[in-house]
Amino acid sequence: MKRDSRLSIVLHGLLHMEAHGKPMTSAELAVCMDTNPVVVRRTMAGLRDRGLVHSEKGHGGGWTIARPLGEISLLDIHESLGEPDVIGFSNKEESPGCLIEQAVNRELDATREEMRAAFAARMRAITLADIWESVRDRFVAHHNYRKDHHHDA
């Protein structure tokens, strides 16, 4: 079963935008996100529609984060992606008259709802600022080291 990795990819791109400190083009983001610019534009459009990112056309333009990182929760981003299902199982519904199938499906439905509620609560509690703070110093040190020690061969 193929898993939906859009949330992870978008978070990666947004934090590279923060690190970059200036607008990033779809082509630049595509390199960071290991995808192509068309996918970046399509994905970022959902974030733009939710007021999470902004885009400027023309020279010096690109994508920027529209709000402070502390005001953007992972749930906001997940919702901007169309709320892809994070629960990897579904009900068997081939014998709706079967009492056992009904009981199993009832329990699985309840479990899925509990899992979705727990997922939403946790995702609402984590912001982009939380993730950025956890990596910022190491990221900056790593990139400064690479810049200081890069030699053209």
C-alpha atoms as a PDB file:
ATOM      1  CA  MET A   1       0.000   0.000   0.000  1.00  0.00           C
ATOM      2  CA  LYS A   2       1.411   3.356  -1.035  1.00  0.00           C
ATOM      3  CA  ARG A   3       1.556   5.894   1.759  1.00  0.00           C
ATOM      4  CA  ASP A   4       0.768   9.583   1.311  1.00  0.00           C
ATOM      5  CA  SER A   5       3.935  11.535   2.112  1.00  0.00           C
ATOM      6  CA  ARG A   6       2.691  14.983   1.058  1.00  0.00           C
ATOM      7  CA  LEU A   7       2.552  16.304   4.627  1.00  0.00           C
ATOM      8  CA  SER A   8       6.157  15.356   5.278  1.00  0.00           C
ATOM      9  CA  ILE A   9       7.258  16.781   1.929  1.00  0.00           C
ATOM     10  CA  VAL A  10       5.404  20.070   2.474  1.00  0.00           C
ATOM     11  CA  LEU A  11       6.774  20.470   6.007  1.00  0.00           C
ATOM     12  CA  HIS A  12      10.252  19.896   4.614  1.00  0.00           C
ATOM     13  CA  GLY A  13       9.704  22.579   1.976  1.00  0.00           C
ATOM     14  CA  LEU A  14       8.225  25.108   4.399  1.00  0.00           C
ATOM     15  CA  LEU A  15      11.148  24.771   6.783  1.00  0.00           C
ATOM     16  CA  HIS A  16      13.603  25.194   3.905  1.00  0.00           C
ATOM     17  CA  MET A  17      11.687  28.375   3.044  1.00  0.00           C
ATOM     18  CA  GLU A  18      12.206  29.580   6.608  1.00  0.00           C
ATOM     19  CA  ALA A  19      15.898  28.699   6.466  1.00  0.00           C
ATOM     20  CA  HIS A  20      16.308  30.400   3.082  1.00  0.00           C
ATOM     21  CA  GLY A  21      14.982  33.680   4.482  1.00  0.00           C
ATOM     22  CA  LYS A  22      13.769  35.023   1.138  1.00  0.00           C
ATOM     23  CA  PRO A  23      11.261  33.959  -1.512  1.00  0.00           C
ATOM     24  CA  MET A  24      11.915  30.574  -3.092  1.00  0.00           C
ATOM     25  CA  THR A  25      10.832  29.680  -6.592  1.00  0.00           C
ATOM     26  CA  SER A  26       8.928  26.508  -7.335  1.00  0.00           C
ATOM     27  CA  ALA A  27      12.088  25.164  -8.986  1.00  0.00           C
ATOM     28  CA  GLU A  28      14.177  25.834  -5.857  1.00  0.00           C
ATOM     29  CA  LEU A  29      11.557  24.231  -3.642  1.00  0.00           C
ATOM     30  CA  ALA A  30      11.316  21.263  -5.993  1.00  0.00           C
ATOM     31  CA  VAL A  31      14.993  20.516  -5.339  1.00  0.00           C
ATOM     32  CA  CYS A  32      14.473  20.667  -1.549  1.00  0.00           C
ATOM     33  CA  MET A  33      11.284  18.635  -1.726  1.00  0.00           C
ATOM     34  CA  ASP A  34      12.669  16.105  -4.235  1.00  0.00           C
ATOM     35  CA  THR A  35       9.793  16.601  -6.651  1.00  0.00           C
ATOM     36  CA  ASN A  36       9.077  18.746  -9.700  1.00  0.00           C
ATOM     37  CA  PRO A  37       7.990  22.402  -9.869  1.00  0.00           C
ATOM     38  CA  VAL A  38       4.493  21.545 -11.141  1.00  0.00           C
ATOM     39  CA  VAL A  39       3.842  19.435  -8.028  1.00  0.00           C
ATOM     40  CA  VAL A  40       5.220  22.262  -5.857  1.00  0.00           C
ATOM     41  CA  ARG A  41       2.891  24.831  -7.447  1.00  0.00           C
ATOM     42  CA  ARG A  42      -0.144  22.559  -7.134  1.00  0.00           C
ATOM     43  CA  THR A  43       0.645  21.698  -3.522  1.00  0.00           C
ATOM     44  CA  MET A  44       1.497  25.249  -2.492  1.00  0.00           C
ATOM     45  CA  ALA A  45      -1.741  26.510  -4.056  1.00  0.00           C
ATOM     46  CA  GLY A  46      -3.678  24.700  -1.318  1.00  0.00           C
ATOM     47  CA  LEU A  47      -1.515  26.341   1.328  1.00  0.00           C
ATOM     48  CA  ARG A  48      -1.940  29.733  -0.357  1.00  0.00           C
ATOM     49  CA  ASP A  49      -5.724  29.297  -0.393  1.00  0.00           C
ATOM     50  CA  ARG A  50      -5.569  28.790   3.395  1.00  0.00           C
ATOM     51  CA  GLY A  51      -3.393  31.880   3.900  1.00  0.00           C
ATOM     52  CA  LEU A  52      -0.324  29.891   4.943  1.00  0.00           C
ATOM     53  CA  VAL A  53       1.957  30.930   2.077  1.00  0.00           C
ATOM     54  CA  HIS A  54       2.101  33.788  -0.386  1.00  0.00           C
ATOM     55  CA  SER A  55       3.472  33.892  -3.914  1.00  0.00           C
ATOM     56  CA  GLU A  56       4.932  36.734  -5.939  1.00  0.00           C
ATOM     57  CA  LYS A  57       5.494  36.507  -9.666  1.00  0.00           C
ATOM     58  CA  GLY A  58       8.433  37.974 -11.543  1.00  0.00           C
ATOM     59  CA  HIS A  59      12.079  38.629 -10.813  1.00  0.00           C
ATOM     60  CA  GLY A  60      12.815  38.186  -7.108  1.00  0.00           C
ATOM     61  CA  GLY A  61       9.456  36.523  -6.608  1.00  0.00           C
ATOM     62  CA  GLY A  62       8.594  33.118  -5.300  1.00  0.00           C
ATOM     63  CA  TRP A  63       6.908  31.498  -2.343  1.00  0.00           C
ATOM     64  CA  THR A  64       7.072  32.880   1.205  1.00  0.00           C
ATOM     65  CA  ILE A  65       5.457  31.842   4.461  1.00  0.00           C
ATOM     66  CA  ALA A  66       2.547  34.223   5.080  1.00  0.00           C
ATOM     67  CA  ARG A  67       2.233  33.955   8.870  1.00  0.00           C
ATOM     68  CA  PRO A  68       4.585  33.553  11.819  1.00  0.00           C
ATOM     69  CA  LEU A  69       5.685  29.934  12.211  1.00  0.00           C
ATOM     70  CA  GLY A  70       4.132  29.774  15.677  1.00  0.00           C
ATOM     71  CA  GLU A  71       0.704  30.470  14.168  1.00  0.00           C
ATOM     72  CA  ILE A  72       0.809  27.566  11.705  1.00  0.00           C
ATOM     73  CA  SER A  73      -0.038  24.175  13.142  1.00  0.00           C
ATOM     74  CA  LEU A  74       0.637  20.866  11.489  1.00  0.00           C
ATOM     75  CA  LEU A  75      -3.133  20.410  11.435  1.00  0.00           C
ATOM     76  CA  ASP A  76      -3.478  23.621   9.371  1.00  0.00           C
ATOM     77  CA  ILE A  77      -1.077  22.183   6.823  1.00  0.00           C
ATOM     78  CA  HIS A  78      -2.702  18.741   6.865  1.00  0.00           C
ATOM     79  CA  GLU A  79      -6.096  20.359   6.221  1.00  0.00           C
ATOM     80  CA  SER A  80      -4.670  22.445   3.365  1.00  0.00           C
ATOM     81  CA  LEU A  81      -3.656  19.179   1.681  1.00  0.00           C
ATOM     82  CA  GLY A  82      -7.261  17.992   1.714  1.00  0.00           C
ATOM     83  CA  GLU A  83      -6.907  15.989   4.937  1.00  0.00           C
ATOM     84  CA  PRO A  84      -5.438  12.817   3.449  1.00  0.00           C
ATOM     85  CA  ASP A  85      -6.474   9.765   5.438  1.00  0.00           C
ATOM     86  CA  VAL A  86      -3.852   8.839   8.005  1.00  0.00           C
ATOM     87  CA  ILE A  87      -5.569   5.648   9.095  1.00  0.00           C
ATOM     88  CA  GLY A  88      -4.318   2.715   7.061  1.00  0.00           C
ATOM     89  CA  PHE A  89      -7.222   0.293   7.399  1.00  0.00           C
ATOM     90  CA  SER A  90     -10.827   0.135   6.278  1.00  0.00           C
ATOM     91  CA  ASN A  91     -13.892  -2.005   6.844  1.00  0.00           C
ATOM     92  CA  LYS A  92     -14.903  -5.107   4.962  1.00  0.00           C
ATOM     93  CA  GLU A  93     -18.415  -4.444   3.696  1.00  0.00           C
ATOM     94  CA  GLU A  94     -19.149  -7.473   1.569  1.00  0.00           C
ATOM     95  CA  SER A  95     -21.783  -9.024   3.856  1.00  0.00           C
ATOM     96  CA  PRO A  96     -23.757  -6.172   5.450  1.00  0.00           C
ATOM     97  CA  GLY A  97     -26.279  -8.629   6.886  1.00  0.00           C
ATOM     98  CA  CYS A  98     -23.588 -10.532   8.809  1.00  0.00           C
ATOM     99  CA  LEU A  99     -23.812  -9.750  12.539  1.00  0.00           C
ATOM    100  CA  ILE A 100     -20.095 -10.407  13.041  1.00  0.00           C
ATOM    101  CA  GLU A 101     -19.135  -8.061  10.200  1.00  0.00           C
ATOM    102  CA  GLN A 102     -21.437  -5.408  11.699  1.00  0.00           C
ATOM    103  CA  ALA A 103     -19.800  -5.781  15.132  1.00  0.00           C
ATOM    104  CA  VAL A 104     -16.283  -5.663  13.689  1.00  0.00           C
ATOM    105  CA  ASN A 105     -17.085  -2.600  11.572  1.00  0.00           C
ATOM    106  CA  ARG A 106     -18.729  -0.812  14.502  1.00  0.00           C
ATOM    107  CA  GLU A 107     -15.585  -1.289  16.631  1.00  0.00           C
ATOM    108  CA  LEU A 108     -13.254  -0.342  13.798  1.00  0.00           C
ATOM    109  CA  ASP A 109     -15.316   2.789  13.073  1.00  0.00           C
ATOM    110  CA  ALA A 110     -15.129   3.825  16.741  1.00  0.00           C
ATOM    111  CA  THR A 111     -11.398   3.123  16.849  1.00  0.00           C
ATOM    112  CA  ARG A 112     -10.790   5.122  13.675  1.00  0.00           C
ATOM    113  CA  GLU A 113     -12.704   8.092  15.089  1.00  0.00           C
ATOM    114  CA  GLU A 114     -10.660   7.974  18.308  1.00  0.00           C
ATOM    115  CA  MET A 115      -7.458   7.786  16.277  1.00  0.00           C
ATOM    116  CA  ARG A 116      -8.499  10.732  14.101  1.00  0.00           C
ATOM    117  CA  ALA A 117      -9.352  12.807  17.174  1.00  0.00           C
ATOM    118  CA  ALA A 118      -6.001  11.992  18.815  1.00  0.00           C
ATOM    119  CA  PHE A 119      -4.178  12.741  15.555  1.00  0.00           C
ATOM    120  CA  ALA A 120      -5.952  16.101  15.168  1.00  0.00           C
ATOM    121  CA  ALA A 121      -5.260  17.096  18.783  1.00  0.00           C
ATOM    122  CA  ARG A 122      -1.562  16.285  18.478  1.00  0.00           C
ATOM    123  CA  MET A 123      -1.225  17.985  15.085  1.00  0.00           C
ATOM    124  CA  ARG A 124      -3.024  21.082  16.394  1.00  0.00           C
ATOM    125  CA  ALA A 125      -0.508  21.285  19.266  1.00  0.00           C
ATOM    126  CA  ILE A 126       2.613  21.246  17.055  1.00  0.00           C
ATOM    127  CA  THR A 127       3.579  24.342  15.087  1.00  0.00           C
ATOM    128  CA  LEU A 128       6.148  24.972  12.411  1.00  0.00           C
ATOM    129  CA  ALA A 129       8.011  27.016  15.025  1.00  0.00           C
ATOM    130  CA  ASP A 130       8.318  23.923  17.226  1.00  0.00           C
ATOM    131  CA  ILE A 131       9.957  21.941  14.445  1.00  0.00           C
ATOM    132  CA  TRP A 132      12.142  24.849  13.308  1.00  0.00           C
ATOM    133  CA  GLU A 133      13.366  25.456  16.865  1.00  0.00           C
ATOM    134  CA  SER A 134      14.324  21.792  17.167  1.00  0.00           C
ATOM    135  CA  VAL A 135      16.594  21.945  14.111  1.00  0.00           C
ATOM    136  CA  ARG A 136      17.576  25.585  13.545  1.00  0.00           C
ATOM    137  CA  ASP A 137      20.914  25.681  15.364  1.00  0.00           C
ATOM    138  CA  ARG A 138      22.120  22.390  13.896  1.00  0.00           C
ATOM    139  CA  PHE A 139      20.893  23.350  10.424  1.00  0.00           C
ATOM    140  CA  VAL A 140      22.649  26.730  10.493  1.00  0.00           C
ATOM    141  CA  ALA A 141      25.860  25.218  11.890  1.00  0.00           C
ATOM    142  CA  HIS A 142      25.820  22.465   9.270  1.00  0.00           C
ATOM    143  CA  HIS A 143      25.267  24.853   6.384  1.00  0.00           C
ATOM    144  CA  ASN A 144      27.880  27.309   7.663  1.00  0.00           C
ATOM    145  CA  TYR A 145      30.344  24.420   7.970  1.00  0.00           C
ATOM    146  CA  ARG A 146      29.611  23.272   4.412  1.00  0.00           C
ATOM    147  CA  LYS A 147      29.957  26.822   3.104  1.00  0.00           C
ATOM    148  CA  ASP A 148      33.233  27.401   4.985  1.00  0.00           C
ATOM    149  CA  HIS A 149      34.708  24.050   3.925  1.00  0.00           C
ATOM    150  CA  HIS A 150      33.498  23.863   0.331  1.00  0.00           C
ATOM    151  CA  HIS A 151      36.325  23.770  -2.202  1.00  0.00           C
ATOM    152  CA  ASP A 152      35.773  23.645  -5.926  1.00  0.00           C
ATOM    153  CA  ALA A 153      37.613  20.669  -7.356  1.00  0.00           C
END
